Amino acid sequence: MTGGRGDPALLDRLVGDGLGWLDGARASFRLPPDVTTDADPNTTLKPLGELAELTELTRTAHPRREIRERAAALFAFAWQETGEGELFAELIRGEPRATYPVELYGIFAQAGLRHAAVEELLVTTTGLRGWRVAREDHTRTLGVLNAERRIGLPRHAAADAEFAHTGLGLLPEPWTLDRKAAYGVTHDVFHLTDWGRARRRLPAAHAGYLRLWLPAWLECWLEEQLWDLVGELLAVTACLPDAPYDAAAWQRLAAAQTSDGAVPETGTAARSADPAETFLACYHSTLVTVFAGTLARIAATEAADGPAAAGRPPFESEAAP
């Protein structure tokens, strides 16, 4: 891997084309009337939340204005689909101990989109004794802590202590990493660094571990053509100090992108006759590609011209979560 200068033309094409496909898929992101009752959250709330999470960085930080504007339109669409936050109030009333409404609301709150009833409810629900019960999934707990920070709520646990018990925090033997563990490692990084906005929160020892082993992991998942995980690993790479750039991996990911901008989750982009199946097979990997491409593009611009040239304030510089 080389330094963070990257290939701006390739990265901009990946991000721009991916946003174009996502824009055309808006109907598939729309929430059904029964979203708070009988609908499957994995095919309704989850995609919309991921749309918001993974386009927000692009709308605020991508160096190119037209790309920021397209991402901003998708982020605004996601907020509108929540009834400008009313959805979260309904979810919290129905499941006061559930963490997912807080996690979903967090990215909107951080962007300045807030709902008074949600804010009032969260003060109560996140103060419940049941909210402070230890969770077995330390990676997920990191995500909850990051959401609390975004919203401005007291954090119910120490982020550094939780990180120490995650898959990445334990610095596992690198050859033991299977697909599930690899996704856990990427999300440890995303939650700890606020999805790349605070890269220096990643401890030096863990950054060094990732820099050493990411090329081998990338090669494994590139061989399997698991583009979704490849995109997440490239996003993690862009979160490291000096953001090393793996030109060959980016070129292979770009080759997997179809002419309409979609990136299949795995393999080649064989399209189903059912648009819903095509959407589920491509939406997350396309979002991840947009997100990773944005992080790499910011790093390339900073490497060439410094943080101010990216058209945004520098990333946070604090070392501790």
Protein backbone atom coordinates (compact mmCIF):
# COMPACT_ATOMS: atom_id res chain seq x y z
CA MET A 1 0.00 0.00 0.00
CA THR A 2 1.16 3.51 -0.81
CA GLY A 3 0.50 6.83 0.91
CA GLY A 4 -2.88 8.54 0.95
CA ARG A 5 -2.71 10.44 -2.38
CA GLY A 6 -4.85 7.89 -4.14
CA ASP A 7 -6.56 8.25 -7.52
CA PRO A 8 -9.06 11.14 -7.28
CA ALA A 9 -10.61 10.48 -10.70
CA LEU A 10 -11.34 6.83 -9.91
CA LEU A 11 -12.64 7.63 -6.43
CA ASP A 12 -14.90 10.42 -7.70
CA ARG A 13 -16.34 8.13 -10.36
CA LEU A 14 -17.05 5.41 -7.82
CA VAL A 15 -18.73 7.82 -5.41
CA GLY A 16 -20.65 9.81 -8.02
CA ASP A 17 -21.95 6.75 -9.87
CA GLY A 18 -22.86 5.04 -6.60
CA LEU A 19 -24.86 8.05 -5.47
CA GLY A 20 -26.61 8.06 -8.84
CA TRP A 21 -27.78 4.47 -8.36
CA LEU A 22 -28.88 5.16 -4.77
CA ASP A 23 -30.81 8.21 -5.91
CA GLY A 24 -32.63 6.07 -8.45
CA ALA A 25 -33.42 3.52 -5.73
CA ARG A 26 -35.25 5.97 -3.44
CA ALA A 27 -38.53 4.09 -3.76
CA SER A 28 -36.89 1.01 -2.24
CA PHE A 29 -35.73 3.01 0.79
CA ARG A 30 -39.22 4.35 1.54
CA LEU A 31 -40.74 3.12 4.79
CA PRO A 32 -44.02 1.16 4.72
CA PRO A 33 -47.04 2.26 6.77
CA ASP A 34 -46.51 -0.61 9.24
CA VAL A 35 -42.86 0.21 9.89
CA THR A 36 -43.39 0.53 13.66
CA THR A 37 -45.52 -2.60 13.99
CA ASP A 38 -45.32 -5.56 11.62
CA ALA A 39 -42.66 -4.64 9.05
CA ASP A 40 -39.28 -6.38 9.07
CA PRO A 41 -36.79 -3.81 10.39
CA ASN A 42 -33.95 -5.47 8.49
CA THR A 43 -35.54 -4.53 5.17
CA THR A 44 -37.09 -1.21 6.19
CA LEU A 45 -35.48 0.69 9.07
CA LYS A 46 -32.00 -0.75 8.57
CA PRO A 47 -31.58 0.31 4.92
CA LEU A 48 -32.88 3.81 5.62
CA GLY A 49 -30.63 4.20 8.65
CA GLU A 50 -27.64 3.06 6.64
CA LEU A 51 -28.54 5.49 3.88
CA ALA A 52 -28.43 8.32 6.41
CA GLU A 53 -25.26 7.13 8.18
CA LEU A 54 -23.24 6.50 5.05
CA THR A 55 -24.22 9.60 3.05
CA GLU A 56 -23.85 12.16 5.85
CA LEU A 57 -20.06 12.22 5.70
CA THR A 58 -20.17 12.64 1.93
CA ARG A 59 -22.63 15.52 2.11
CA THR A 60 -20.41 17.45 4.52
CA ALA A 61 -16.88 16.43 3.65
CA HIS A 62 -16.42 15.38 0.03
CA PRO A 63 -14.15 17.82 -1.83
CA ARG A 64 -16.47 18.14 -4.84
CA ARG A 65 -19.54 20.31 -4.48
CA GLU A 66 -21.80 18.41 -6.89
CA ILE A 67 -21.14 15.16 -5.01
CA ARG A 68 -21.83 16.82 -1.66
CA GLU A 69 -25.13 18.18 -3.01
CA ARG A 70 -26.27 14.79 -4.28
CA ALA A 71 -25.45 13.15 -0.96
CA ALA A 72 -27.22 15.98 0.88
CA ALA A 73 -30.39 15.33 -1.10
CA LEU A 74 -30.35 11.66 -0.10
CA PHE A 75 -29.71 12.52 3.54
CA ALA A 76 -32.62 14.99 3.50
CA PHE A 77 -34.80 12.31 1.93
CA ALA A 78 -33.94 9.91 4.77
CA TRP A 79 -34.92 12.52 7.38
CA GLN A 80 -38.21 13.16 5.59
CA GLU A 81 -38.95 9.43 5.61
CA THR A 82 -38.72 9.47 9.40
CA GLY A 83 -41.42 12.13 9.55
CA GLU A 84 -38.68 14.58 10.52
CA GLY A 85 -38.00 12.52 13.62
CA GLU A 86 -41.53 11.54 14.65
CA LEU A 87 -40.74 7.93 13.75
CA PHE A 88 -38.14 7.76 16.52
CA ALA A 89 -40.61 9.02 19.11
CA GLU A 90 -42.99 6.19 18.13
CA LEU A 91 -40.23 3.59 18.27
CA ILE A 92 -38.99 4.73 21.67
CA ARG A 93 -42.50 4.76 23.15
CA GLY A 94 -43.02 1.22 21.88
CA GLU A 95 -39.61 -0.13 22.99
CA PRO A 96 -38.16 2.13 25.68
CA ARG A 97 -35.14 -0.11 26.31
CA ALA A 98 -34.28 -0.68 22.66
CA THR A 99 -31.00 0.83 21.49
CA TYR A 100 -31.65 0.93 17.74
CA PRO A 101 -33.88 4.06 17.77
CA VAL A 102 -31.10 5.91 19.59
CA GLU A 103 -28.48 4.65 17.15
CA LEU A 104 -30.60 5.65 14.14
CA TYR A 105 -31.48 9.05 15.56
CA GLY A 106 -27.87 9.86 16.45
CA ILE A 107 -26.67 10.72 12.96
CA PHE A 108 -29.56 13.12 12.41
CA ALA A 109 -29.01 14.78 15.78
CA GLN A 110 -25.34 15.23 15.00
CA ALA A 111 -26.34 16.92 11.75
CA GLY A 112 -28.57 19.34 13.67
CA LEU A 113 -31.87 17.63 12.82
CA ARG A 114 -33.62 17.13 16.14
CA HIS A 115 -37.10 16.33 17.39
CA ALA A 116 -38.25 17.76 20.73
CA ALA A 117 -40.32 14.74 21.80
CA VAL A 118 -37.47 12.35 20.98
CA GLU A 119 -35.04 14.43 23.02
CA GLU A 120 -37.41 14.42 26.01
CA LEU A 121 -38.04 10.68 25.79
CA LEU A 122 -34.34 9.86 25.53
CA VAL A 123 -33.51 11.70 28.73
CA THR A 124 -35.88 9.32 30.50
CA THR A 125 -35.20 6.04 28.70
CA THR A 126 -31.40 6.26 28.67
CA GLY A 127 -31.51 6.98 32.39
CA LEU A 128 -33.34 3.73 33.18
CA ARG A 129 -31.53 1.09 35.21
CA GLY A 130 -32.20 -1.37 32.41
CA TRP A 131 -30.31 0.85 29.97
CA ARG A 132 -27.12 0.39 31.98
CA VAL A 133 -27.25 -3.41 31.92
CA ALA A 134 -24.04 -4.80 30.45
CA ARG A 135 -24.38 -5.96 26.85
CA GLU A 136 -22.56 -8.99 25.50
CA ASP A 137 -21.79 -7.33 22.16
CA HIS A 138 -19.10 -4.78 22.94
CA THR A 139 -18.96 -3.58 19.34
CA ARG A 140 -22.66 -2.75 19.42
CA THR A 141 -22.18 -1.01 22.76
CA LEU A 142 -19.52 1.19 21.15
CA GLY A 143 -22.16 2.17 18.58
CA VAL A 144 -24.64 3.06 21.34
CA LEU A 145 -22.00 5.13 23.14
CA ASN A 146 -21.22 6.99 19.94
CA ALA A 147 -24.92 7.71 19.44
CA GLU A 148 -25.17 9.03 23.00
CA ARG A 149 -22.21 11.31 22.32
CA ARG A 150 -23.76 12.55 19.06
CA ILE A 151 -27.04 13.39 20.76
CA GLY A 152 -25.40 14.95 23.81
CA LEU A 153 -26.57 12.35 26.33
CA PRO A 154 -24.43 11.12 29.24
CA ARG A 155 -22.58 8.02 28.07
CA HIS A 156 -23.60 4.99 30.09
CA ALA A 157 -20.16 3.34 29.94
CA ALA A 158 -16.55 4.21 29.14
CA ALA A 159 -15.76 3.85 25.44
CA ASP A 160 -12.13 2.89 26.00
CA ALA A 161 -13.14 0.10 28.39
CA GLU A 162 -15.69 -1.25 25.92
CA PHE A 163 -13.22 -1.04 23.04
CA ALA A 164 -10.70 -3.11 25.02
CA HIS A 165 -13.15 -6.05 24.93
CA THR A 166 -14.04 -5.86 21.22
CA GLY A 167 -12.63 -8.09 18.51
CA LEU A 168 -10.17 -5.40 17.44
CA GLY A 169 -9.45 -4.23 20.97
CA LEU A 170 -8.17 -7.68 21.91
CA LEU A 171 -5.74 -7.68 18.94
CA PRO A 172 -6.68 -11.23 17.89
CA GLU A 173 -4.39 -13.54 15.96
CA PRO A 174 -4.91 -12.23 12.40
CA TRP A 175 -5.24 -15.67 10.78
CA THR A 176 -8.34 -16.41 12.90
CA LEU A 177 -10.39 -13.65 11.25
CA ASP A 178 -13.50 -15.07 9.59
CA ARG A 179 -16.16 -13.06 7.79
CA LYS A 180 -18.22 -12.26 10.89
CA ALA A 181 -15.14 -11.23 12.88
CA ALA A 182 -13.94 -9.05 9.99
CA TYR A 183 -17.20 -7.11 9.98
CA GLY A 184 -16.83 -6.73 13.74
CA VAL A 185 -13.35 -5.25 13.33
CA THR A 186 -14.53 -2.73 10.74
CA HIS A 187 -17.35 -1.59 12.99
CA ASP A 188 -15.04 -1.32 16.00
CA VAL A 189 -13.10 1.23 13.96
CA PHE A 190 -16.20 3.03 12.67
CA HIS A 191 -17.80 3.44 16.09
CA LEU A 192 -14.56 4.42 17.83
CA THR A 193 -13.66 7.04 15.20
CA ASP A 194 -17.22 8.29 14.65
CA TRP A 195 -17.21 6.79 11.16
CA GLY A 196 -13.89 8.31 10.20
CA ARG A 197 -14.51 11.81 11.56
CA ALA A 198 -12.13 11.38 14.50
CA ARG A 199 -9.41 9.11 13.14
CA ARG A 200 -6.91 9.83 15.91
CA ARG A 201 -9.15 8.14 18.46
CA LEU A 202 -7.78 4.83 17.15
CA PRO A 203 -4.93 3.82 19.51
CA ALA A 204 -1.50 3.63 17.88
CA ALA A 205 -1.03 -0.07 18.63
CA HIS A 206 -4.32 -0.95 16.95
CA ALA A 207 -3.63 1.30 13.99
CA GLY A 208 -0.29 -0.42 13.54
CA TYR A 209 -1.92 -3.86 13.78
CA LEU A 210 -4.44 -2.89 11.10
CA ARG A 211 -1.84 -1.36 8.82
CA LEU A 212 0.16 -4.61 8.99
CA TRP A 213 -2.71 -7.03 8.37
CA LEU A 214 -5.25 -5.17 6.23
CA PRO A 215 -3.45 -5.97 2.93
CA ALA A 216 -3.64 -9.71 3.62
CA TRP A 217 -7.29 -9.53 4.70
CA LEU A 218 -8.17 -7.46 1.65
CA GLU A 219 -6.55 -10.01 -0.63
CA CYS A 220 -8.61 -12.81 0.92
CA TRP A 221 -11.94 -11.04 0.46
CA LEU A 222 -11.00 -9.73 -2.99
CA GLU A 223 -10.38 -13.33 -4.02
CA GLU A 224 -13.85 -14.23 -2.78
CA GLN A 225 -15.32 -11.14 -4.50
CA LEU A 226 -17.07 -10.09 -1.31
CA TRP A 227 -17.28 -6.45 -2.38
CA ASP A 228 -19.27 -5.34 0.64
CA LEU A 229 -16.51 -6.37 3.04
CA VAL A 230 -13.81 -5.14 0.66
CA GLY A 231 -15.44 -1.70 0.78
CA GLU A 232 -15.56 -1.74 4.59
CA LEU A 233 -11.90 -2.76 4.82
CA LEU A 234 -10.93 0.02 2.40
CA ALA A 235 -12.90 2.47 4.55
CA VAL A 236 -10.94 1.26 7.61
CA THR A 237 -7.70 1.70 5.67
CA ALA A 238 -8.66 5.31 4.99
CA CYS A 239 -9.12 5.83 8.75
CA LEU A 240 -5.48 4.95 9.51
CA PRO A 241 -2.70 7.49 10.02
CA ASP A 242 -1.50 8.66 6.60
CA ALA A 243 -4.41 6.68 5.08
CA PRO A 244 -2.46 4.16 2.97
CA TYR A 245 -3.93 3.64 -0.50
CA ASP A 246 -4.20 0.17 -2.06
CA ALA A 247 -4.46 1.02 -5.75
CA ALA A 248 -4.99 -2.57 -6.88
CA ALA A 249 -7.85 -3.14 -4.43
CA TRP A 250 -9.58 0.07 -5.46
CA GLN A 251 -9.26 -0.83 -9.13
CA ARG A 252 -10.78 -4.25 -8.52
CA LEU A 253 -13.67 -2.73 -6.57
CA ALA A 254 -14.20 -0.22 -9.38
CA ALA A 255 -14.30 -3.07 -11.90
CA ALA A 256 -17.12 -4.68 -9.87
CA GLN A 257 -19.28 -1.54 -10.12
CA THR A 258 -21.89 -1.81 -12.87
CA SER A 259 -22.56 0.79 -15.53
CA ASP A 260 -25.53 2.16 -13.55
CA GLY A 261 -23.42 2.67 -10.41
CA ALA A 262 -24.51 -0.33 -8.32
CA VAL A 263 -21.95 -2.47 -6.52
CA PRO A 264 -23.06 -6.06 -5.86
CA GLU A 265 -22.57 -7.40 -2.37
CA THR A 266 -20.71 -10.37 -3.75
CA GLY A 267 -19.66 -11.78 -7.11
CA THR A 268 -20.90 -10.33 -10.35
CA ALA A 269 -23.97 -8.17 -10.77
CA ALA A 270 -26.45 -10.74 -12.00
CA ARG A 271 -29.79 -8.94 -11.82
CA SER A 272 -32.97 -10.50 -10.55
CA ALA A 273 -36.31 -10.01 -12.24
CA ASP A 274 -37.50 -8.82 -8.82
CA PRO A 275 -36.36 -5.21 -8.18
CA ALA A 276 -36.57 -5.81 -4.42
CA GLU A 277 -34.04 -8.63 -4.66
CA THR A 278 -31.71 -6.49 -6.76
CA PHE A 279 -31.98 -3.69 -4.21
CA LEU A 280 -31.16 -5.94 -1.27
CA ALA A 281 -28.24 -7.45 -3.17
CA CYS A 282 -26.66 -4.07 -3.94
CA TYR A 283 -27.77 -1.25 -1.67
CA HIS A 284 -25.39 -1.78 1.27
CA SER A 285 -22.30 -2.53 -0.80
CA THR A 286 -23.04 0.54 -2.93
CA LEU A 287 -23.42 2.71 0.17
CA VAL A 288 -20.19 1.31 1.61
CA THR A 289 -18.38 2.07 -1.64
CA VAL A 290 -19.60 5.68 -1.53
CA PHE A 291 -18.52 5.98 2.11
CA ALA A 292 -15.10 4.39 1.60
CA GLY A 293 -14.51 6.39 -1.56
CA THR A 294 -15.30 9.60 0.30
CA LEU A 295 -12.89 8.79 3.13
CA ALA A 296 -10.14 7.91 0.67
CA ARG A 297 -10.84 11.02 -1.39
CA ILE A 298 -10.62 13.27 1.68
CA ALA A 299 -7.34 11.60 2.63
CA ALA A 300 -6.00 12.11 -0.90
CA THR A 301 -6.87 15.80 -0.82
CA GLU A 302 -5.37 16.27 2.63
CA ALA A 303 -2.19 14.49 1.56
CA ALA A 304 -1.85 16.77 -1.44
CA ASP A 305 -2.95 20.13 -0.07
CA GLY A 306 -3.70 19.88 3.66
CA PRO A 307 -7.04 19.51 5.50
CA ALA A 308 -8.39 22.95 4.58
CA ALA A 309 -8.29 22.10 0.86
CA ALA A 310 -11.01 19.49 1.28
CA GLY A 311 -13.56 22.27 1.71
CA ARG A 312 -14.28 21.38 5.34
CA PRO A 313 -12.71 21.73 8.79
CA PRO A 314 -10.00 19.15 9.61
CA PHE A 315 -11.06 15.92 11.25
CA GLU A 316 -11.12 15.86 15.03
CA SER A 317 -7.67 15.47 16.53
CA GLU A 318 -8.32 14.15 20.02
CA ALA A 319 -6.54 10.94 20.87
CA ALA A 320 -9.08 9.54 23.33
CA PRO A 321 -12.71 8.52 22.74
